[in-house]
Amino acid sequence: MLKIINISEIIVSILLITSILLQNRGAGLSSTFGGDFGGYYSKRGFEKFLVIFSSVLAAIFIILAVINLLISNT
């Protein structure tokens, strides 16, 4: 059981990293030095899907981590 949880946690973490890296908002420190001051805009299409997908993956990762902690302490 612990092995399945560990493998699923690794898969979820790789998917979470990928979905976060696909979101390209801000593009580094350019906004710090006065560039790209555009403000807020609404997310549409694939960008909205990535935000929701990242949130769901983060929640799943936290749940798996807690389950892993509870199982390994017994």
N, C-alpha and C. Protein backbone atom coordinates (compact mmCIF):
# COMPACT_ATOMS: atom_id res chain seq x y z
N MET A 1 0.83 -1.20 0.00
CA MET A 1 0.00 0.00 0.00
C MET A 1 0.87 1.26 0.00
N LEU A 2 1.92 1.24 0.83
CA LEU A 2 2.81 2.39 0.92
C LEU A 2 3.54 2.63 -0.40
N LYS A 3 3.88 1.54 -1.09
CA LYS A 3 4.57 1.66 -2.38
C LYS A 3 3.68 2.33 -3.42
N ILE A 4 2.40 1.99 -3.42
CA ILE A 4 1.45 2.60 -4.37
C ILE A 4 1.29 4.08 -4.09
N ILE A 5 1.22 4.44 -2.83
CA ILE A 5 1.08 5.85 -2.47
C ILE A 5 2.33 6.63 -2.85
N ASN A 6 3.51 6.05 -2.63
CA ASN A 6 4.76 6.71 -2.99
C ASN A 6 4.86 6.94 -4.50
N ILE A 7 4.50 5.94 -5.28
CA ILE A 7 4.55 6.06 -6.73
C ILE A 7 3.54 7.09 -7.22
N SER A 8 2.34 7.06 -6.67
CA SER A 8 1.33 8.05 -7.08
C SER A 8 1.73 9.46 -6.66
N GLU A 9 2.41 9.60 -5.54
CA GLU A 9 2.88 10.91 -5.10
C GLU A 9 3.96 11.45 -6.05
N ILE A 10 4.82 10.58 -6.53
CA ILE A 10 5.84 10.99 -7.50
C ILE A 10 5.20 11.42 -8.81
N ILE A 11 4.21 10.67 -9.27
CA ILE A 11 3.53 11.02 -10.52
C ILE A 11 2.80 12.34 -10.40
N VAL A 12 2.10 12.54 -9.29
CA VAL A 12 1.38 13.80 -9.07
C VAL A 12 2.36 14.97 -8.98
N SER A 13 3.50 14.76 -8.34
CA SER A 13 4.47 15.85 -8.22
C SER A 13 5.06 16.23 -9.59
N ILE A 14 5.32 15.26 -10.45
CA ILE A 14 5.83 15.55 -11.79
C ILE A 14 4.77 16.30 -12.60
N LEU A 15 3.52 15.88 -12.51
CA LEU A 15 2.44 16.58 -13.21
C LEU A 15 2.26 18.00 -12.69
N LEU A 16 2.40 18.18 -11.37
CA LEU A 16 2.27 19.50 -10.77
C LEU A 16 3.39 20.42 -11.23
N ILE A 17 4.61 19.93 -11.26
CA ILE A 17 5.74 20.73 -11.73
C ILE A 17 5.53 21.14 -13.19
N THR A 18 5.09 20.19 -14.00
CA THR A 18 4.86 20.48 -15.42
C THR A 18 3.76 21.51 -15.61
N SER A 19 2.67 21.38 -14.88
CA SER A 19 1.57 22.33 -15.06
C SER A 19 1.94 23.72 -14.56
N ILE A 20 2.78 23.82 -13.55
CA ILE A 20 3.23 25.13 -13.07
C ILE A 20 4.19 25.76 -14.07
N LEU A 21 5.08 24.96 -14.64
CA LEU A 21 6.03 25.51 -15.61
C LEU A 21 5.36 25.93 -16.91
N LEU A 22 4.23 25.35 -17.24
CA LEU A 22 3.51 25.75 -18.46
C LEU A 22 2.81 27.09 -18.31
N GLN A 23 2.63 27.55 -17.10
CA GLN A 23 2.00 28.85 -16.88
C GLN A 23 3.08 29.92 -16.99
N ASN A 24 2.98 30.76 -18.00
CA ASN A 24 4.03 31.76 -18.23
C ASN A 24 3.50 33.16 -17.99
N ARG A 25 3.23 33.48 -16.78
CA ARG A 25 2.76 34.82 -16.42
C ARG A 25 3.90 35.58 -15.76
N GLY A 26 4.16 36.81 -16.20
CA GLY A 26 5.18 37.63 -15.60
C GLY A 26 6.54 37.49 -16.26
N ALA A 27 6.93 36.34 -16.67
CA ALA A 27 8.19 36.06 -17.37
C ALA A 27 9.39 36.65 -16.64
N GLY A 28 9.59 36.30 -15.41
CA GLY A 28 10.79 36.67 -14.69
C GLY A 28 10.71 38.01 -13.98
N LEU A 29 11.81 38.73 -13.97
CA LEU A 29 11.92 39.98 -13.22
C LEU A 29 11.61 41.21 -14.07
N SER A 30 11.06 41.04 -15.26
CA SER A 30 10.83 42.20 -16.12
C SER A 30 9.83 43.18 -15.53
N SER A 31 8.85 42.69 -14.79
CA SER A 31 7.87 43.59 -14.18
C SER A 31 8.46 44.35 -12.99
N THR A 32 9.51 43.84 -12.41
CA THR A 32 10.15 44.52 -11.28
C THR A 32 10.82 45.82 -11.73
N PHE A 33 11.36 45.81 -12.93
CA PHE A 33 12.10 46.97 -13.43
C PHE A 33 11.26 47.84 -14.34
N GLY A 34 9.95 47.78 -14.23
CA GLY A 34 9.08 48.71 -14.93
C GLY A 34 8.45 48.19 -16.21
N GLY A 35 8.76 47.01 -16.63
CA GLY A 35 8.19 46.48 -17.86
C GLY A 35 6.94 45.67 -17.60
N ASP A 36 6.08 45.59 -18.58
CA ASP A 36 4.87 44.77 -18.54
C ASP A 36 4.01 45.09 -17.32
N PHE A 37 3.48 46.29 -17.31
CA PHE A 37 2.67 46.76 -16.19
C PHE A 37 1.19 46.55 -16.45
N GLY A 38 0.83 45.59 -17.30
CA GLY A 38 -0.50 45.42 -17.85
C GLY A 38 -1.63 45.27 -16.86
N GLY A 39 -1.40 44.72 -15.70
CA GLY A 39 -2.47 44.54 -14.74
C GLY A 39 -3.11 43.17 -14.86
N TYR A 40 -4.28 43.03 -14.29
CA TYR A 40 -4.96 41.74 -14.24
C TYR A 40 -5.83 41.54 -15.47
N TYR A 41 -5.85 40.36 -15.98
CA TYR A 41 -6.75 40.00 -17.07
C TYR A 41 -7.36 38.65 -16.76
N SER A 42 -8.52 38.39 -17.35
CA SER A 42 -9.20 37.14 -17.05
C SER A 42 -8.58 36.00 -17.84
N LYS A 43 -8.51 34.85 -17.21
CA LYS A 43 -7.93 33.68 -17.84
C LYS A 43 -9.00 32.98 -18.67
N ARG A 44 -8.58 32.53 -19.84
CA ARG A 44 -9.52 31.84 -20.73
C ARG A 44 -8.86 30.60 -21.31
N GLY A 45 -9.68 29.65 -21.65
CA GLY A 45 -9.22 28.47 -22.37
C GLY A 45 -8.23 27.62 -21.61
N PHE A 46 -7.11 27.34 -22.28
CA PHE A 46 -6.11 26.43 -21.72
C PHE A 46 -5.45 27.00 -20.48
N GLU A 47 -5.30 28.32 -20.42
CA GLU A 47 -4.70 28.95 -19.24
C GLU A 47 -5.58 28.74 -18.00
N LYS A 48 -6.88 28.85 -18.17
CA LYS A 48 -7.81 28.61 -17.06
C LYS A 48 -7.76 27.15 -16.63
N PHE A 49 -7.68 26.26 -17.61
CA PHE A 49 -7.57 24.83 -17.32
C PHE A 49 -6.30 24.54 -16.51
N LEU A 50 -5.18 25.17 -16.88
CA LEU A 50 -3.94 24.94 -16.17
C LEU A 50 -4.00 25.41 -14.72
N VAL A 51 -4.66 26.53 -14.48
CA VAL A 51 -4.78 27.03 -13.11
C VAL A 51 -5.61 26.07 -12.26
N ILE A 52 -6.73 25.64 -12.79
CA ILE A 52 -7.60 24.71 -12.05
C ILE A 52 -6.90 23.36 -11.87
N PHE A 53 -6.23 22.89 -12.93
CA PHE A 53 -5.51 21.61 -12.88
C PHE A 53 -4.40 21.66 -11.83
N SER A 54 -3.67 22.76 -11.76
CA SER A 54 -2.60 22.91 -10.78
C SER A 54 -3.15 22.91 -9.36
N SER A 55 -4.28 23.57 -9.16
CA SER A 55 -4.89 23.60 -7.83
C SER A 55 -5.35 22.22 -7.40
N VAL A 56 -5.95 21.49 -8.31
CA VAL A 56 -6.42 20.13 -8.00
C VAL A 56 -5.23 19.22 -7.70
N LEU A 57 -4.18 19.32 -8.52
CA LEU A 57 -2.99 18.50 -8.28
C LEU A 57 -2.33 18.83 -6.95
N ALA A 58 -2.30 20.11 -6.58
CA ALA A 58 -1.73 20.49 -5.29
C ALA A 58 -2.52 19.90 -4.14
N ALA A 59 -3.85 19.92 -4.25
CA ALA A 59 -4.70 19.34 -3.21
C ALA A 59 -4.49 17.83 -3.12
N ILE A 60 -4.41 17.17 -4.27
CA ILE A 60 -4.17 15.72 -4.28
C ILE A 60 -2.81 15.40 -3.68
N PHE A 61 -1.79 16.21 -3.99
CA PHE A 61 -0.46 15.98 -3.45
C PHE A 61 -0.45 16.11 -1.93
N ILE A 62 -1.14 17.11 -1.40
CA ILE A 62 -1.20 17.30 0.05
C ILE A 62 -1.91 16.13 0.72
N ILE A 63 -3.02 15.70 0.12
CA ILE A 63 -3.77 14.56 0.67
C ILE A 63 -2.90 13.30 0.67
N LEU A 64 -2.18 13.05 -0.45
CA LEU A 64 -1.31 11.87 -0.50
C LEU A 64 -0.18 11.96 0.51
N ALA A 65 0.35 13.16 0.72
CA ALA A 65 1.43 13.32 1.70
C ALA A 65 0.94 13.03 3.12
N VAL A 66 -0.27 13.48 3.44
CA VAL A 66 -0.83 13.21 4.77
C VAL A 66 -1.11 11.73 4.95
N ILE A 67 -1.66 11.09 3.92
CA ILE A 67 -1.91 9.65 3.99
C ILE A 67 -0.60 8.88 4.15
N ASN A 68 0.42 9.31 3.41
CA ASN A 68 1.73 8.67 3.52
C ASN A 68 2.30 8.83 4.92
N LEU A 69 2.13 9.99 5.51
CA LEU A 69 2.59 10.23 6.87
C LEU A 69 1.86 9.36 7.89
N LEU A 70 0.54 9.25 7.73
CA LEU A 70 -0.25 8.45 8.65
C LEU A 70 0.08 6.96 8.54
N ILE A 71 0.26 6.48 7.34
CA ILE A 71 0.55 5.05 7.15
C ILE A 71 1.96 4.71 7.64
N SER A 72 2.93 5.60 7.39
CA SER A 72 4.31 5.29 7.78
C SER A 72 4.52 5.37 9.30
N ASN A 73 3.65 6.09 10.01
CA ASN A 73 3.78 6.19 11.47
C ASN A 73 3.09 5.07 12.23
N THR A 74 2.37 4.21 11.57
CA THR A 74 1.68 3.13 12.25
C THR A 74 2.53 1.91 12.44
